Amino acid sequence: DLPVAAGNRHKFWPLQAVLRCAGDDRWVAISVIDKAGLDHVASAIEAGATTPSDGDDLQSALESWAATREQDDIVDALDADGVAVAAVADAQQVLDEPQLAAVDAWVSSNHPAAGMETWPRTAIRLNGTPLAPRRPAPLLGEHNQVLVDEAGRTQDSYDRLIAAGVLATRPPF
């Protein structure tokens, strides 16, 4: 027998879902592990009593309900009823998250080709030794000249490597 894709399903929990909300590319994730949780979801969306065996029907009603509501409103409504729910954050929401800013999770650098970019800082913290990039990522071929200056290659052999396509100074497209 071939395995069957489970999607959001869990073999023991009656309802797992990532639901589209109103707005541009907005989603919430919920996890319901028991009958009481299903009843809380049904109550929040006013779908009536439910049982674990009709989780599919409840999920369909929940998807319709969520599609017309804002992300924060869904989280507030389901969380108030004790349902495990969270907004699915897009990249900008993650960058704007106050807790991540408070723990200095980001580092920015100005790259000569890409401009100002923000990256996750390493989670490792050492006393007296900051672990942050000292410079932006190099441009393609920026450090090729080290072959001539430090590795003993002649300028002629370097030029032949460039001509043969072994080394590059710009993208091939």
N, C-alpha and C. Protein backbone atom coordinates (compact mmCIF):
# COMPACT_ATOMS: atom_id res chain seq x y z
N ASP A 1 0.83 -1.18 0.00
CA ASP A 1 0.00 0.00 0.00
C ASP A 1 0.87 1.25 0.00
N LEU A 2 0.50 2.20 -0.83
CA LEU A 2 1.21 3.46 -0.89
C LEU A 2 0.71 4.38 0.21
N PRO A 3 1.59 5.17 0.79
CA PRO A 3 1.13 6.13 1.81
C PRO A 3 0.21 7.17 1.19
N VAL A 4 -0.73 7.64 1.97
CA VAL A 4 -1.67 8.66 1.53
C VAL A 4 -1.26 9.98 2.16
N ALA A 5 -1.20 11.03 1.34
CA ALA A 5 -0.84 12.35 1.86
C ALA A 5 -1.85 12.77 2.92
N ALA A 6 -1.35 13.23 4.05
CA ALA A 6 -2.22 13.61 5.16
C ALA A 6 -2.61 15.07 5.13
N GLY A 7 -1.88 15.90 4.41
CA GLY A 7 -2.18 17.33 4.41
C GLY A 7 -2.10 17.88 5.82
N ASN A 8 -3.14 18.58 6.25
CA ASN A 8 -3.17 19.13 7.60
C ASN A 8 -3.66 18.11 8.63
N ARG A 9 -4.04 16.95 8.20
CA ARG A 9 -4.62 15.96 9.10
C ARG A 9 -3.59 15.38 10.06
N HIS A 10 -4.10 14.98 11.20
CA HIS A 10 -3.31 14.26 12.19
C HIS A 10 -4.07 13.00 12.50
N LYS A 11 -3.38 11.89 12.65
CA LYS A 11 -4.11 10.63 12.80
C LYS A 11 -4.88 10.52 14.11
N PHE A 12 -4.56 11.33 15.11
CA PHE A 12 -5.28 11.25 16.38
C PHE A 12 -6.13 12.48 16.66
N TRP A 13 -5.78 13.62 16.09
CA TRP A 13 -6.48 14.87 16.40
C TRP A 13 -7.55 15.14 15.35
N PRO A 14 -8.71 15.59 15.78
CA PRO A 14 -9.83 15.70 14.84
C PRO A 14 -9.78 16.87 13.86
N LEU A 15 -9.05 17.94 14.18
CA LEU A 15 -9.07 19.09 13.27
C LEU A 15 -7.75 19.84 13.34
N GLN A 16 -7.08 19.89 12.20
CA GLN A 16 -5.87 20.69 12.01
C GLN A 16 -6.11 21.48 10.75
N ALA A 17 -5.86 22.77 10.76
CA ALA A 17 -6.15 23.54 9.55
C ALA A 17 -5.31 24.80 9.49
N VAL A 18 -4.99 25.19 8.28
CA VAL A 18 -4.45 26.51 7.98
C VAL A 18 -5.51 27.14 7.09
N LEU A 19 -6.08 28.23 7.58
CA LEU A 19 -7.26 28.82 6.95
C LEU A 19 -6.97 30.18 6.35
N ARG A 20 -7.47 30.39 5.14
CA ARG A 20 -7.35 31.70 4.50
C ARG A 20 -8.31 32.66 5.18
N CYS A 21 -7.85 33.87 5.42
CA CYS A 21 -8.65 34.92 6.05
C CYS A 21 -8.93 36.01 5.02
N ALA A 22 -9.75 36.97 5.42
CA ALA A 22 -9.97 38.15 4.58
C ALA A 22 -8.64 38.90 4.49
N GLY A 23 -8.44 39.59 3.40
CA GLY A 23 -7.21 40.35 3.22
C GLY A 23 -6.29 39.65 2.24
N ASP A 24 -5.22 40.32 1.91
CA ASP A 24 -4.28 39.81 0.93
C ASP A 24 -3.32 38.82 1.55
N ASP A 25 -3.44 37.56 1.20
CA ASP A 25 -2.54 36.49 1.65
C ASP A 25 -2.44 36.42 3.18
N ARG A 26 -3.57 36.39 3.85
CA ARG A 26 -3.62 36.29 5.31
C ARG A 26 -4.17 34.93 5.70
N TRP A 27 -3.55 34.32 6.71
CA TRP A 27 -3.87 32.96 7.12
C TRP A 27 -3.81 32.83 8.63
N VAL A 28 -4.53 31.84 9.17
CA VAL A 28 -4.40 31.44 10.57
C VAL A 28 -4.23 29.92 10.60
N ALA A 29 -3.57 29.43 11.63
CA ALA A 29 -3.41 27.99 11.85
C ALA A 29 -4.14 27.63 13.12
N ILE A 30 -4.89 26.52 13.09
CA ILE A 30 -5.56 26.06 14.31
C ILE A 30 -5.26 24.59 14.52
N SER A 31 -5.34 24.18 15.77
CA SER A 31 -5.12 22.80 16.15
C SER A 31 -6.12 22.42 17.22
N VAL A 32 -6.94 21.42 16.93
CA VAL A 32 -7.95 20.95 17.87
C VAL A 32 -7.65 19.49 18.17
N ILE A 33 -7.48 19.19 19.46
CA ILE A 33 -7.04 17.85 19.82
C ILE A 33 -8.12 16.96 20.41
N ASP A 34 -9.32 17.52 20.68
CA ASP A 34 -10.34 16.69 21.31
C ASP A 34 -11.75 17.21 21.03
N LYS A 35 -12.73 16.48 21.51
CA LYS A 35 -14.14 16.83 21.31
C LYS A 35 -14.45 18.19 21.90
N ALA A 36 -13.91 18.50 23.07
CA ALA A 36 -14.16 19.81 23.69
C ALA A 36 -13.67 20.93 22.78
N GLY A 37 -12.52 20.74 22.14
CA GLY A 37 -12.00 21.73 21.22
C GLY A 37 -12.89 21.91 20.01
N LEU A 38 -13.41 20.80 19.48
CA LEU A 38 -14.35 20.89 18.36
C LEU A 38 -15.59 21.68 18.77
N ASP A 39 -16.07 21.43 19.98
CA ASP A 39 -17.25 22.15 20.47
C ASP A 39 -16.94 23.65 20.59
N HIS A 40 -15.73 23.99 21.03
CA HIS A 40 -15.34 25.40 21.14
C HIS A 40 -15.31 26.06 19.75
N VAL A 41 -14.77 25.36 18.77
CA VAL A 41 -14.75 25.90 17.40
C VAL A 41 -16.17 26.10 16.90
N ALA A 42 -17.00 25.08 17.08
CA ALA A 42 -18.39 25.17 16.63
C ALA A 42 -19.10 26.34 17.30
N SER A 43 -18.85 26.53 18.58
CA SER A 43 -19.46 27.65 19.31
C SER A 43 -18.97 28.99 18.77
N ALA A 44 -17.68 29.09 18.54
CA ALA A 44 -17.10 30.36 18.07
C ALA A 44 -17.66 30.76 16.70
N ILE A 45 -17.89 29.76 15.86
CA ILE A 45 -18.40 30.09 14.52
C ILE A 45 -19.91 29.88 14.42
N GLU A 46 -20.51 29.56 15.56
CA GLU A 46 -21.96 29.35 15.65
C GLU A 46 -22.43 28.28 14.69
N ALA A 47 -21.72 27.14 14.69
CA ALA A 47 -22.06 26.04 13.79
C ALA A 47 -22.88 24.96 14.49
N GLY A 48 -23.19 25.12 15.75
CA GLY A 48 -23.95 24.10 16.47
C GLY A 48 -23.05 23.02 17.01
N ALA A 49 -23.67 22.08 17.70
CA ALA A 49 -22.92 20.99 18.33
C ALA A 49 -22.25 20.14 17.26
N THR A 50 -21.13 19.56 17.63
CA THR A 50 -20.40 18.72 16.69
C THR A 50 -19.79 17.55 17.44
N THR A 51 -19.32 16.59 16.72
CA THR A 51 -18.60 15.46 17.30
C THR A 51 -17.33 15.26 16.50
N PRO A 52 -16.36 14.55 17.07
CA PRO A 52 -15.13 14.34 16.32
C PRO A 52 -15.35 13.68 14.96
N SER A 53 -16.40 12.90 14.80
CA SER A 53 -16.62 12.22 13.52
C SER A 53 -17.05 13.19 12.41
N ASP A 54 -17.52 14.38 12.75
CA ASP A 54 -17.88 15.31 11.68
C ASP A 54 -16.94 16.50 11.62
N GLY A 55 -15.66 16.25 11.90
CA GLY A 55 -14.64 17.28 11.80
C GLY A 55 -14.53 17.85 10.40
N ASP A 56 -14.78 17.00 9.37
CA ASP A 56 -14.72 17.49 7.98
C ASP A 56 -15.78 18.56 7.74
N ASP A 57 -17.00 18.31 8.22
CA ASP A 57 -18.07 19.30 8.05
C ASP A 57 -17.75 20.57 8.81
N LEU A 58 -17.21 20.42 10.01
CA LEU A 58 -16.85 21.59 10.80
C LEU A 58 -15.73 22.37 10.12
N GLN A 59 -14.76 21.66 9.56
CA GLN A 59 -13.66 22.36 8.88
C GLN A 59 -14.20 23.14 7.69
N SER A 60 -15.11 22.58 6.95
CA SER A 60 -15.69 23.29 5.81
C SER A 60 -16.40 24.56 6.27
N ALA A 61 -17.18 24.47 7.36
CA ALA A 61 -17.87 25.64 7.91
C ALA A 61 -16.86 26.65 8.42
N LEU A 62 -15.80 26.16 9.05
CA LEU A 62 -14.75 27.03 9.58
C LEU A 62 -14.04 27.78 8.46
N GLU A 63 -13.74 27.09 7.36
CA GLU A 63 -13.09 27.74 6.21
C GLU A 63 -13.96 28.87 5.66
N SER A 64 -15.25 28.62 5.53
CA SER A 64 -16.16 29.65 5.03
C SER A 64 -16.23 30.83 5.99
N TRP A 65 -16.30 30.53 7.28
CA TRP A 65 -16.36 31.57 8.32
C TRP A 65 -15.10 32.42 8.30
N ALA A 66 -13.94 31.77 8.23
CA ALA A 66 -12.66 32.48 8.29
C ALA A 66 -12.43 33.35 7.06
N ALA A 67 -12.89 32.91 5.91
CA ALA A 67 -12.63 33.62 4.66
C ALA A 67 -13.21 35.04 4.65
N THR A 68 -14.18 35.30 5.53
CA THR A 68 -14.82 36.62 5.54
C THR A 68 -14.38 37.48 6.73
N ARG A 69 -13.42 36.98 7.50
CA ARG A 69 -13.00 37.70 8.71
C ARG A 69 -11.51 38.04 8.67
N GLU A 70 -11.17 39.10 9.38
CA GLU A 70 -9.77 39.52 9.47
C GLU A 70 -8.98 38.55 10.36
N GLN A 71 -7.71 38.42 10.07
CA GLN A 71 -6.81 37.51 10.79
C GLN A 71 -6.89 37.71 12.30
N ASP A 72 -6.75 38.95 12.78
CA ASP A 72 -6.76 39.22 14.22
C ASP A 72 -8.10 38.88 14.85
N ASP A 73 -9.20 39.12 14.14
CA ASP A 73 -10.52 38.81 14.67
C ASP A 73 -10.71 37.31 14.85
N ILE A 74 -10.19 36.53 13.92
CA ILE A 74 -10.28 35.07 14.02
C ILE A 74 -9.48 34.58 15.22
N VAL A 75 -8.25 35.07 15.34
CA VAL A 75 -7.40 34.67 16.47
C VAL A 75 -8.08 35.03 17.78
N ASP A 76 -8.60 36.24 17.89
CA ASP A 76 -9.27 36.67 19.13
C ASP A 76 -10.48 35.79 19.44
N ALA A 77 -11.30 35.50 18.44
CA ALA A 77 -12.52 34.73 18.66
C ALA A 77 -12.21 33.29 19.08
N LEU A 78 -11.31 32.64 18.38
CA LEU A 78 -11.01 31.24 18.69
C LEU A 78 -10.19 31.11 19.97
N ASP A 79 -9.24 32.02 20.16
CA ASP A 79 -8.42 31.98 21.38
C ASP A 79 -9.28 32.19 22.62
N ALA A 80 -10.27 33.06 22.53
CA ALA A 80 -11.16 33.31 23.66
C ALA A 80 -11.92 32.05 24.06
N ASP A 81 -12.15 31.16 23.10
CA ASP A 81 -12.83 29.90 23.38
C ASP A 81 -11.86 28.77 23.71
N GLY A 82 -10.57 29.08 23.84
CA GLY A 82 -9.60 28.07 24.24
C GLY A 82 -9.07 27.21 23.11
N VAL A 83 -9.26 27.64 21.86
CA VAL A 83 -8.75 26.89 20.72
C VAL A 83 -7.30 27.33 20.45
N ALA A 84 -6.42 26.36 20.20
CA ALA A 84 -5.04 26.68 19.84
C ALA A 84 -5.05 27.29 18.44
N VAL A 85 -4.75 28.59 18.36
CA VAL A 85 -4.82 29.30 17.09
C VAL A 85 -3.71 30.34 17.05
N ALA A 86 -3.19 30.58 15.86
CA ALA A 86 -2.15 31.60 15.70
C ALA A 86 -2.22 32.18 14.30
N ALA A 87 -1.92 33.45 14.21
CA ALA A 87 -1.80 34.08 12.90
C ALA A 87 -0.55 33.55 12.22
N VAL A 88 -0.65 33.28 10.93
CA VAL A 88 0.51 32.90 10.15
C VAL A 88 1.12 34.22 9.66
N ALA A 89 2.33 34.48 10.11
CA ALA A 89 2.98 35.76 9.81
C ALA A 89 3.66 35.73 8.46
N ASP A 90 3.52 36.82 7.70
CA ASP A 90 4.29 36.94 6.47
C ASP A 90 5.65 37.55 6.84
N ALA A 91 6.52 37.69 5.86
CA ALA A 91 7.88 38.15 6.13
C ALA A 91 7.90 39.52 6.80
N GLN A 92 7.07 40.45 6.34
CA GLN A 92 7.07 41.79 6.93
C GLN A 92 6.57 41.75 8.38
N GLN A 93 5.57 40.92 8.67
CA GLN A 93 5.08 40.80 10.04
C GLN A 93 6.17 40.24 10.96
N VAL A 94 6.95 39.31 10.45
CA VAL A 94 8.06 38.76 11.25
C VAL A 94 9.09 39.85 11.51
N LEU A 95 9.45 40.61 10.48
CA LEU A 95 10.43 41.69 10.65
C LEU A 95 9.94 42.75 11.64
N ASP A 96 8.63 42.99 11.65
CA ASP A 96 8.05 44.03 12.51
C ASP A 96 7.71 43.53 13.92
N GLU A 97 7.91 42.26 14.20
CA GLU A 97 7.54 41.68 15.49
C GLU A 97 8.35 42.33 16.62
N PRO A 98 7.68 43.01 17.57
CA PRO A 98 8.39 43.72 18.64
C PRO A 98 9.28 42.82 19.48
N GLN A 99 8.86 41.59 19.74
CA GLN A 99 9.68 40.70 20.57
C GLN A 99 10.99 40.37 19.88
N LEU A 100 10.96 40.16 18.58
CA LEU A 100 12.20 39.88 17.85
C LEU A 100 13.12 41.09 17.83
N ALA A 101 12.54 42.27 17.71
CA ALA A 101 13.35 43.49 17.77
C ALA A 101 13.96 43.64 19.15
N ALA A 102 13.19 43.31 20.19
CA ALA A 102 13.67 43.47 21.57
C ALA A 102 14.86 42.56 21.87
N VAL A 103 14.94 41.41 21.22
CA VAL A 103 16.06 40.50 21.46
C VAL A 103 17.13 40.64 20.38
N ASP A 104 17.05 41.74 19.60
CA ASP A 104 18.07 42.06 18.61
C ASP A 104 18.26 40.91 17.62
N ALA A 105 17.14 40.42 17.06
CA ALA A 105 17.16 39.25 16.18
C ALA A 105 17.63 39.56 14.77
N TRP A 106 17.73 40.83 14.40
CA TRP A 106 18.03 41.19 13.02
C TRP A 106 19.34 41.96 12.90
N VAL A 107 19.97 41.82 11.76
CA VAL A 107 21.15 42.60 11.43
C VAL A 107 20.95 43.10 9.99
N SER A 108 21.31 44.34 9.74
CA SER A 108 21.17 44.91 8.41
C SER A 108 22.54 45.22 7.83
N SER A 109 22.64 45.10 6.53
CA SER A 109 23.88 45.47 5.86
C SER A 109 23.54 46.07 4.51
N ASN A 110 24.42 46.93 4.05
CA ASN A 110 24.22 47.59 2.77
C ASN A 110 25.10 46.89 1.74
N HIS A 111 24.46 46.14 0.86
CA HIS A 111 25.18 45.39 -0.17
C HIS A 111 25.32 46.27 -1.41
N PRO A 112 26.48 46.29 -2.05
CA PRO A 112 26.68 47.19 -3.18
C PRO A 112 25.74 46.93 -4.36
N ALA A 113 25.27 45.71 -4.53
CA ALA A 113 24.37 45.41 -5.65
C ALA A 113 22.91 45.30 -5.21
N ALA A 114 22.68 44.74 -4.04
CA ALA A 114 21.31 44.47 -3.59
C ALA A 114 20.73 45.58 -2.74
N GLY A 115 21.58 46.48 -2.25
CA GLY A 115 21.09 47.55 -1.39
C GLY A 115 20.98 47.09 0.06
N MET A 116 20.21 47.85 0.84
CA MET A 116 20.06 47.54 2.26
C MET A 116 19.22 46.28 2.42
N GLU A 117 19.74 45.31 3.16
CA GLU A 117 19.04 44.06 3.43
C GLU A 117 19.09 43.76 4.91
N THR A 118 18.04 43.12 5.39
CA THR A 118 17.96 42.71 6.79
C THR A 118 17.94 41.19 6.84
N TRP A 119 18.76 40.64 7.73
CA TRP A 119 18.92 39.20 7.86
C TRP A 119 18.76 38.79 9.32
N PRO A 120 18.38 37.52 9.55
CA PRO A 120 18.37 37.04 10.94
C PRO A 120 19.79 37.00 11.49
N ARG A 121 19.94 37.49 12.70
CA ARG A 121 21.22 37.41 13.39
C ARG A 121 21.33 35.99 13.97
N THR A 122 22.53 35.51 14.13
CA THR A 122 22.68 34.20 14.74
C THR A 122 22.09 34.21 16.14
N ALA A 123 21.51 33.09 16.53
CA ALA A 123 20.91 32.99 17.87
C ALA A 123 21.98 32.81 18.95
N ILE A 124 23.18 32.51 18.55
CA ILE A 124 24.27 32.31 19.51
C ILE A 124 24.74 33.67 20.02
N ARG A 125 24.86 33.80 21.33
CA ARG A 125 25.35 35.04 21.94
C ARG A 125 26.57 34.69 22.80
N LEU A 126 27.66 35.38 22.56
CA LEU A 126 28.89 35.17 23.32
C LEU A 126 29.27 36.48 24.01
N ASN A 127 29.70 36.40 25.25
CA ASN A 127 30.15 37.59 25.96
C ASN A 127 31.41 38.14 25.32
N GLY A 128 31.38 39.40 24.95
CA GLY A 128 32.56 40.06 24.42
C GLY A 128 32.90 39.73 22.98
N THR A 129 32.14 38.87 22.33
CA THR A 129 32.42 38.49 20.95
C THR A 129 31.13 38.56 20.14
N PRO A 130 30.82 39.72 19.61
CA PRO A 130 29.59 39.81 18.83
C PRO A 130 29.69 38.99 17.54
N LEU A 131 28.67 38.21 17.28
CA LEU A 131 28.63 37.41 16.07
C LEU A 131 27.72 38.09 15.07
N ALA A 132 28.28 38.98 14.31
CA ALA A 132 27.52 39.71 13.30
C ALA A 132 28.38 39.81 12.05
N PRO A 133 27.74 39.89 10.90
CA PRO A 133 28.54 40.03 9.68
C PRO A 133 29.39 41.30 9.74
N ARG A 134 30.63 41.18 9.32
CA ARG A 134 31.51 42.35 9.31
C ARG A 134 31.41 43.12 8.01
N ARG A 135 30.88 42.46 6.98
CA ARG A 135 30.75 43.11 5.68
C ARG A 135 29.66 42.37 4.90
N PRO A 136 29.16 42.97 3.85
CA PRO A 136 28.15 42.29 3.03
C PRO A 136 28.75 41.10 2.28
N ALA A 137 27.89 40.25 1.76
CA ALA A 137 28.36 39.14 0.93
C ALA A 137 29.11 39.69 -0.28
N PRO A 138 30.15 39.00 -0.71
CA PRO A 138 30.92 39.52 -1.85
C PRO A 138 30.13 39.43 -3.15
N LEU A 139 30.47 40.29 -4.06
CA LEU A 139 29.91 40.23 -5.41
C LEU A 139 30.55 39.05 -6.14
N LEU A 140 29.89 38.55 -7.16
CA LEU A 140 30.43 37.44 -7.93
C LEU A 140 31.80 37.83 -8.50
N GLY A 141 32.80 37.04 -8.18
CA GLY A 141 34.15 37.29 -8.69
C GLY A 141 34.94 38.33 -7.94
N GLU A 142 34.34 38.95 -6.93
CA GLU A 142 35.00 40.05 -6.23
C GLU A 142 36.36 39.64 -5.65
N HIS A 143 36.49 38.41 -5.21
CA HIS A 143 37.72 37.97 -4.57
C HIS A 143 38.55 37.03 -5.45
N ASN A 144 38.22 36.94 -6.73
CA ASN A 144 39.00 36.07 -7.63
C ASN A 144 40.47 36.48 -7.69
N GLN A 145 40.74 37.75 -7.59
CA GLN A 145 42.10 38.26 -7.75
C GLN A 145 43.05 37.68 -6.70
N VAL A 146 42.51 37.11 -5.63
CA VAL A 146 43.36 36.49 -4.61
C VAL A 146 44.18 35.35 -5.21
N LEU A 147 43.68 34.76 -6.29
CA LEU A 147 44.45 33.70 -6.95
C LEU A 147 45.77 34.22 -7.49
N VAL A 148 45.79 35.43 -7.95
CA VAL A 148 47.01 36.04 -8.46
C VAL A 148 47.82 36.63 -7.31
N ASP A 149 47.14 37.36 -6.43
CA ASP A 149 47.85 38.10 -5.38
C ASP A 149 48.39 37.20 -4.27
N GLU A 150 47.69 36.13 -3.93
CA GLU A 150 48.08 35.33 -2.77
C GLU A 150 48.39 33.86 -3.10
N ALA A 151 47.73 33.30 -4.12
CA ALA A 151 47.84 31.86 -4.37
C ALA A 151 48.89 31.51 -5.43
N GLY A 152 49.62 32.51 -5.93
CA GLY A 152 50.73 32.22 -6.82
C GLY A 152 50.36 32.02 -8.29
N ARG A 153 49.13 32.25 -8.68
CA ARG A 153 48.75 32.18 -10.09
C ARG A 153 49.28 33.41 -10.81
N THR A 154 49.59 33.23 -12.07
CA THR A 154 49.97 34.39 -12.87
C THR A 154 48.71 35.06 -13.39
N GLN A 155 48.84 36.31 -13.78
CA GLN A 155 47.69 37.02 -14.36
C GLN A 155 47.21 36.30 -15.61
N ASP A 156 48.15 35.75 -16.40
CA ASP A 156 47.79 35.04 -17.62
C ASP A 156 46.96 33.78 -17.31
N SER A 157 47.36 33.00 -16.30
CA SER A 157 46.59 31.79 -15.96
C SER A 157 45.22 32.17 -15.40
N TYR A 158 45.17 33.25 -14.65
CA TYR A 158 43.89 33.76 -14.14
C TYR A 158 42.98 34.13 -15.31
N ASP A 159 43.51 34.86 -16.29
CA ASP A 159 42.72 35.27 -17.46
C ASP A 159 42.22 34.05 -18.23
N ARG A 160 43.04 32.99 -18.32
CA ARG A 160 42.61 31.76 -19.01
C ARG A 160 41.46 31.09 -18.24
N LEU A 161 41.50 31.09 -16.91
CA LEU A 161 40.40 30.51 -16.12
C LEU A 161 39.10 31.28 -16.33
N ILE A 162 39.21 32.59 -16.44
CA ILE A 162 38.03 33.42 -16.73
C ILE A 162 37.50 33.08 -18.12
N ALA A 163 38.38 33.03 -19.11
CA ALA A 163 37.97 32.75 -20.49
C ALA A 163 37.35 31.36 -20.64
N ALA A 164 37.85 30.41 -19.87
CA ALA A 164 37.32 29.03 -19.93
C ALA A 164 36.01 28.87 -19.16
N GLY A 165 35.63 29.90 -18.42
CA GLY A 165 34.39 29.80 -17.65
C GLY A 165 34.54 29.10 -16.32
N VAL A 166 35.79 28.82 -15.92
CA VAL A 166 36.05 28.18 -14.61
C VAL A 166 35.77 29.19 -13.50
N LEU A 167 36.16 30.43 -13.72
CA LEU A 167 35.88 31.52 -12.81
C LEU A 167 34.96 32.50 -13.51
N ALA A 168 34.21 33.26 -12.72
CA ALA A 168 33.29 34.23 -13.31
C ALA A 168 33.37 35.55 -12.54
N THR A 169 33.08 36.60 -13.24
CA THR A 169 33.02 37.92 -12.62
C THR A 169 31.63 38.55 -12.79
N ARG A 170 30.79 37.85 -13.56
CA ARG A 170 29.40 38.30 -13.70
C ARG A 170 28.54 37.07 -13.97
N PRO A 171 27.25 37.15 -13.71
CA PRO A 171 26.37 35.98 -13.92
C PRO A 171 26.37 35.55 -15.39
N PRO A 172 26.13 34.27 -15.65
CA PRO A 172 26.20 33.75 -17.03
C PRO A 172 24.97 34.11 -17.87
N PHE A 173 24.02 34.80 -17.33
CA PHE A 173 22.80 35.11 -18.09
C PHE A 173 22.68 36.58 -18.38
